Each structure stands twice: as C-alpha cells, then as structure tokens.
C-alpha atoms as a PDB file:
ATOM      1  CA  MET A   1      59.195 -28.592 -39.280  1.00  0.00           C
ATOM      2  CA  GLU A   2      57.281 -31.393 -38.369  1.00  0.00           C
ATOM      3  CA  GLU A   3      58.391 -30.478 -34.206  1.00  0.00           C
ATOM      4  CA  LYS A   4      56.564 -26.978 -34.675  1.00  0.00           C
ATOM      5  CA  GLU A   5      53.575 -28.436 -35.914  1.00  0.00           C
ATOM      6  CA  LYS A   6      53.488 -30.902 -33.323  1.00  0.00           C
ATOM      7  CA  PHE A   7      54.465 -28.292 -30.748  1.00  0.00           C
ATOM      8  CA  ARG A   8      51.097 -26.232 -31.925  1.00  0.00           C
ATOM      9  CA  GLU A   9      49.338 -28.983 -31.795  1.00  0.00           C
ATOM     10  CA  GLN A  10      49.967 -29.626 -28.233  1.00  0.00           C
ATOM     11  CA  ILE A  11      49.404 -25.871 -27.328  1.00  0.00           C
ATOM     12  CA  ARG A  12      46.098 -26.341 -29.264  1.00  0.00           C
ATOM     13  CA  SER A  13      45.276 -29.025 -27.252  1.00  0.00           C
ATOM     14  CA  ILE A  14      46.395 -27.520 -23.963  1.00  0.00           C
ATOM     15  CA  TYR A  15      44.297 -24.536 -24.749  1.00  0.00           C
ATOM     16  CA  ARG A  16      40.955 -26.549 -25.438  1.00  0.00           C
ATOM     17  CA  LEU A  17      41.550 -28.414 -22.233  1.00  0.00           C
ATOM     18  CA  LEU A  18      41.977 -25.085 -20.018  1.00  0.00           C
ATOM     19  CA  SER A  19      38.690 -23.992 -22.197  1.00  0.00           C
ATOM     20  CA  THR A  20      36.419 -26.418 -21.218  1.00  0.00           C
ATOM     21  CA  PHE A  21      37.600 -26.059 -17.587  1.00  0.00           C
ATOM     22  CA  LEU A  22      36.976 -22.706 -17.742  1.00  0.00           C
ATOM     23  CA  ILE A  23      33.922 -22.618 -18.743  1.00  0.00           C
ATOM     24  CA  LEU A  24      32.811 -25.565 -16.372  1.00  0.00           C
ATOM     25  CA  PHE A  25      34.317 -23.524 -13.665  1.00  0.00           C
ATOM     26  CA  VAL A  26      31.850 -20.249 -14.869  1.00  0.00           C
ATOM     27  CA  ILE A  27      28.993 -22.694 -15.091  1.00  0.00           C
ATOM     28  CA  THR A  28      29.841 -24.146 -12.071  1.00  0.00           C
ATOM     29  CA  VAL A  29      30.046 -20.429 -10.268  1.00  0.00           C
ATOM     30  CA  LEU A  30      26.880 -19.366 -11.815  1.00  0.00           C
ATOM     31  CA  GLY A  31      25.535 -22.529 -10.838  1.00  0.00           C
ATOM     32  CA  VAL A  32      26.864 -22.077  -6.973  1.00  0.00           C
ATOM     33  CA  VAL A  33      25.114 -18.531  -7.255  1.00  0.00           C
ATOM     34  CA  TYR A  34      21.809 -19.384  -8.639  1.00  0.00           C
ATOM     35  CA  LEU A  35      21.533 -21.823  -5.419  1.00  0.00           C
ATOM     36  CA  LEU A  36      22.381 -19.404  -3.111  1.00  0.00           C
ATOM     37  CA  ASN A  37      19.845 -17.397  -4.275  1.00  0.00           C
ATOM     38  CA  ASP A  38      17.172 -19.187  -5.161  1.00  0.00           C
ATOM     39  CA  PRO A  39      17.663 -22.511  -3.008  1.00  0.00           C
ATOM     40  CA  ASP A  40      14.208 -24.233  -3.873  1.00  0.00           C
ATOM     41  CA  LEU A  41      14.817 -23.361  -7.560  1.00  0.00           C
ATOM     42  CA  SER A  42      11.064 -22.242  -7.616  1.00  0.00           C
ATOM     43  CA  PHE A  43      12.549 -20.392 -11.108  1.00  0.00           C
ATOM     44  CA  PHE A  44      11.600 -23.472 -12.592  1.00  0.00           C
ATOM     45  CA  ARG A  45       8.593 -24.527 -11.510  1.00  0.00           C
ATOM     46  CA  GLU A  46       4.995 -23.749 -12.145  1.00  0.00           C
ATOM     47  CA  LYS A  47       4.184 -20.556 -10.834  1.00  0.00           C
ATOM     48  CA  GLU A  48       1.393 -20.939  -8.029  1.00  0.00           C
ATOM     49  CA  VAL A  49      -1.541 -17.969  -8.632  1.00  0.00           C
ATOM     50  CA  PRO A  50      -2.351 -16.933  -5.236  1.00  0.00           C
ATOM     51  CA  GLN A  51      -5.680 -17.542  -3.935  1.00  0.00           C
ATOM     52  CA  GLU A  52      -7.634 -14.663  -3.136  1.00  0.00           C
ATOM     53  CA  TYR A  53     -10.619 -14.529  -0.795  1.00  0.00           C
ATOM     54  CA  VAL A  54     -13.352 -12.455  -1.425  1.00  0.00           C
ATOM     55  CA  ALA A  55     -15.877 -12.047   1.547  1.00  0.00           C
ATOM     56  CA  VAL A  56     -19.615 -12.683   0.166  1.00  0.00           C
ATOM     57  CA  THR A  57     -22.339 -10.521   1.238  1.00  0.00           C
ATOM     58  CA  THR A  58     -25.608 -10.148   0.468  1.00  0.00           C
ATOM     59  CA  GLU A  59     -27.615  -7.180  -0.890  1.00  0.00           C
ATOM     60  CA  ASP A  60     -28.879  -6.892   2.959  1.00  0.00           C
ATOM     61  CA  ASP A  61     -25.283  -6.585   4.384  1.00  0.00           C
ATOM     62  CA  PHE A  62     -24.070  -4.387   1.619  1.00  0.00           C
ATOM     63  CA  ASP A  63     -25.304  -1.337   3.508  1.00  0.00           C
ATOM     64  CA  LYS A  64     -26.160  -2.803   7.261  1.00  0.00           C
ATOM     65  CA  ILE A  65     -25.805  -0.686  10.307  1.00  0.00           C
ATOM     66  CA  GLU A  66     -25.007  -2.089  13.880  1.00  0.00           C
ATOM     67  CA  ASN A  67     -25.040  -0.265  16.527  1.00  0.00           C
ATOM     68  CA  GLY A  68     -25.281   2.935  14.670  1.00  0.00           C
ATOM     69  CA  ILE A  69     -21.689   2.604  12.807  1.00  0.00           C
ATOM     70  CA  HIS A  70     -22.409   1.612   8.704  1.00  0.00           C
ATOM     71  CA  VAL A  71     -20.677  -1.872   9.064  1.00  0.00           C
ATOM     72  CA  ARG A  72     -19.088  -1.436   4.895  1.00  0.00           C
ATOM     73  CA  THR A  73     -17.896   1.959   5.748  1.00  0.00           C
ATOM     74  CA  GLY A  74     -17.627   2.587   9.588  1.00  0.00           C
ATOM     75  CA  LEU A  75     -19.437   5.719   8.899  1.00  0.00           C
ATOM     76  CA  LYS A  76     -21.641   6.952  11.953  1.00  0.00           C
ATOM     77  CA  GLU A  77     -25.527   6.626  10.574  1.00  0.00           C
ATOM     78  CA  ALA A  78     -27.253   9.687  10.535  1.00  0.00           C
ATOM     79  CA  GLU A  79     -29.029  11.704   7.786  1.00  0.00           C
ATOM     80  CA  GLY A  80     -27.217  12.094   4.505  1.00  0.00           C
ATOM     81  CA  LEU A  81     -25.376   9.094   5.279  1.00  0.00           C
ATOM     82  CA  MET A  82     -26.210   7.542   2.005  1.00  0.00           C
ATOM     83  CA  THR A  83     -25.210  10.655   0.228  1.00  0.00           C
ATOM     84  CA  VAL A  84     -22.157  10.649   1.566  1.00  0.00           C
ATOM     85  CA  VAL A  85     -21.217   6.910   1.488  1.00  0.00           C
ATOM     86  CA  ASN A  86     -22.562   7.531  -2.626  1.00  0.00           C
ATOM     87  CA  ASN A  87     -20.100  10.188  -3.188  1.00  0.00           C
ATOM     88  CA  CYS A  88     -17.112  10.164  -1.077  1.00  0.00           C
ATOM     89  CA  THR A  89     -16.370   6.648  -0.958  1.00  0.00           C
ATOM     90  CA  ASN A  90     -16.142   6.054  -5.106  1.00  0.00           C
ATOM     91  CA  CYS A  91     -13.021   7.646  -4.551  1.00  0.00           C
ATOM     92  CA  HIS A  92     -11.505   7.140  -1.339  1.00  0.00           C
ATOM     93  CA  SER A  93     -11.743   5.293   2.106  1.00  0.00           C
ATOM     94  CA  ALA A  94     -14.490   6.680   4.815  1.00  0.00           C
ATOM     95  CA  GLN A  95     -11.242   6.540   7.021  1.00  0.00           C
ATOM     96  CA  LEU A  96      -9.911   9.296   4.972  1.00  0.00           C
ATOM     97  CA  VAL A  97     -13.576  11.356   5.938  1.00  0.00           C
ATOM     98  CA  ILE A  98     -13.194   9.892   9.505  1.00  0.00           C
ATOM     99  CA  GLN A  99      -9.861  11.430  10.237  1.00  0.00           C
ATOM    100  CA  ASN A 100     -10.220  14.562   8.640  1.00  0.00           C
ATOM    101  CA  ARG A 101     -12.807  15.934  11.223  1.00  0.00           C
ATOM    102  CA  MET A 102     -13.080  19.907  10.257  1.00  0.00           C
ATOM    103  CA  ASN A 103     -15.824  22.974  10.305  1.00  0.00           C
ATOM    104  CA  GLU A 104     -18.675  23.690   7.572  1.00  0.00           C
ATOM    105  CA  GLU A 105     -15.935  26.171   6.303  1.00  0.00           C
ATOM    106  CA  ARG A 106     -12.991  23.497   5.413  1.00  0.00           C
ATOM    107  CA  TRP A 107     -15.016  21.032   4.894  1.00  0.00           C
ATOM    108  CA  ILE A 108     -16.707  23.184   1.620  1.00  0.00           C
ATOM    109  CA  ALA A 109     -12.914  24.713   0.711  1.00  0.00           C
ATOM    110  CA  THR A 110     -11.467  20.444   0.462  1.00  0.00           C
ATOM    111  CA  ILE A 111     -14.691  20.085  -1.602  1.00  0.00           C
ATOM    112  CA  ARG A 112     -13.256  22.520  -3.974  1.00  0.00           C
ATOM    113  CA  TRP A 113      -9.871  21.458  -3.895  1.00  0.00           C
ATOM    114  CA  MET A 114     -11.029  17.912  -4.879  1.00  0.00           C
ATOM    115  CA  GLN A 115     -13.100  19.552  -7.614  1.00  0.00           C
ATOM    116  CA  GLU A 116      -9.878  21.775  -8.782  1.00  0.00           C
ATOM    117  CA  THR A 117      -7.088  19.230  -8.557  1.00  0.00           C
ATOM    118  CA  GLN A 118      -8.908  15.782  -8.547  1.00  0.00           C
ATOM    119  CA  ASN A 119     -11.410  16.101 -10.869  1.00  0.00           C
ATOM    120  CA  LEU A 120     -14.696  15.412  -8.132  1.00  0.00           C
ATOM    121  CA  TRP A 121     -17.749  16.303  -9.982  1.00  0.00           C
ATOM    122  CA  ASP A 122     -20.270  18.749  -8.963  1.00  0.00           C
ATOM    123  CA  LEU A 123     -22.340  17.800  -6.319  1.00  0.00           C
ATOM    124  CA  GLY A 124     -25.345  20.160  -7.035  1.00  0.00           C
ATOM    125  CA  LYS A 125     -27.794  19.493  -3.338  1.00  0.00           C
ATOM    126  CA  ASN A 126     -25.575  16.663  -2.633  1.00  0.00           C
ATOM    127  CA  GLU A 127     -23.198  19.524  -1.532  1.00  0.00           C
ATOM    128  CA  GLU A 128     -25.327  21.138   1.307  1.00  0.00           C
ATOM    129  CA  ILE A 129     -26.330  17.416   2.608  1.00  0.00           C
ATOM    130  CA  ILE A 130     -22.897  16.127   2.537  1.00  0.00           C
ATOM    131  CA  VAL A 131     -21.743  18.863   4.631  1.00  0.00           C
ATOM    132  CA  ASN A 132     -24.126  19.329   7.080  1.00  0.00           C
ATOM    133  CA  TYR A 133     -23.616  15.151   8.044  1.00  0.00           C
ATOM    134  CA  LEU A 134     -19.767  15.657   7.843  1.00  0.00           C
ATOM    135  CA  VAL A 135     -20.109  18.812  10.168  1.00  0.00           C
ATOM    136  CA  SER A 136     -22.419  17.224  12.427  1.00  0.00           C
ATOM    137  CA  ASN A 137     -20.610  13.853  12.924  1.00  0.00           C
ATOM    138  CA  TYR A 138     -17.279  14.525  12.243  1.00  0.00           C
ATOM    139  CA  PRO A 139     -16.465  18.305  13.619  1.00  0.00           C
ATOM    140  CA  PRO A 140     -13.252  19.195  14.926  1.00  0.00           C
ATOM    141  CA  LYS A 141     -11.952  17.972  18.015  1.00  0.00           C
ATOM    142  CA  LYS A 142     -11.567  19.739  20.987  1.00  0.00           C
ATOM    143  CA  LYS A 143      -8.365  19.658  22.308  1.00  0.00           C
ATOM    144  CA  GLY A 144      -7.910  22.377  25.273  1.00  0.00           C
ATOM    145  CA  ARG A 145      -5.057  22.237  27.409  1.00  0.00           C
ATOM    146  CA  ARG A 146      -2.270  19.428  27.349  1.00  0.00           C
ATOM    147  CA  GLU A 147      -2.730  17.044  30.665  1.00  0.00           C
ATOM    148  CA  ILE A 148      -1.131  17.066  33.742  1.00  0.00           C
ATOM    149  CA  LEU A 149       2.498  15.615  33.553  1.00  0.00           C
ATOM    150  CA  THR A 150       2.992  12.164  35.465  1.00  0.00           C
ATOM    151  CA  ASP A 151       5.480  10.218  36.512  1.00  0.00           C
ATOM    152  CA  ILE A 152       8.577  12.668  35.733  1.00  0.00           C
ATOM    153  CA  GLN A 153      11.315  12.380  36.899  1.00  0.00           C
ATOM    154  CA  TRP A 154      13.122  15.345  37.474  1.00  0.00           C
ATOM    155  CA  TYR A 155      16.868  16.360  37.648  1.00  0.00           C
ATOM    156  CA  GLU A 156      18.705  19.242  38.257  1.00  0.00           C
ATOM    157  CA  LEU A 157      21.092  20.970  35.128  1.00  0.00           C
ATOM    158  CA  GLU A 158      24.447  21.348  35.667  1.00  0.00           C
ATOM    159  CA  ASP A 159      26.236  25.117  35.253  1.00  0.00           C
END
C-alpha cells in the first residue's frame, strides 16, 4: 500500500509541475501576443488628453468679408447673405449650399423637403430672401456641349 501511495504522490507532483509549466507557458504566450500588438505598453501609461486648438476670432472677424466672400462660410457677399448664413448654416455647412446650384423651383422644393424630413422651421418672409439670394448667386451652371477630345490615340477594331 505504501508503494501505491508513493506512486500517487509522484504522479501528483508531476501533475503540479506540468500544471505550473503550462500556466507559465500560457502567461508567456499572452505576454508575447500583447507585446506584438502594443509594443510601447501604452495600455499601462496614463492617457494623454489630446490638445485641441481653436482659432479665436473677434466679433469683428466673425462676419468679415474679403474680396466679396464671407470669410467664415465662403458664401458670396450679396443682399440676403446674413439671412442665408443665419438660417442655412445652423444645420449644415455653407459648402453644401455652394455645391448645390439650382433654379428657384428646385431651391423651393429643397426647402420643402428639409421642412418635411429634416425639421427645418418655417422660414416665413425669410424664405423669399433666401431663395432670391441662392438663385442670384448659385444658379445652375450652364454645361453646354462637352469639350473637343484632344490627344486621343485611335486604334482600329479588329473583326
């Protein structure tokens, strides 16, 4: 019986030794995998708060116009500019207005769409001012015919 007990104790000690090696191996593998993914150990460092720089403008610069362009928005200086700035740039960039050149009918349809689907408020008397500004300054571009093709290397089609 004593031999059986010695044998069992030897098996247990071998089991403990193998378990210890297995645990050490797993920890080592996990450490290596972590180091491969985060070699500078940034997880253990204090998080740096990114610095955000904001241009400070004075009240005079806020609605500054240079060369006929409203500096803050890029819109053309004309009658109704500030009405457009105050109503349109609350929800989206002025660049969206500039790139969408439309006639009066399409501008009004776009305003209606924004009122129905985007929660645009009733513009009241401002609508006519806004539409007149947009039609005058951002009408559809006349495209005409395409330009003549130049520097083309023609080839013959084989039958």
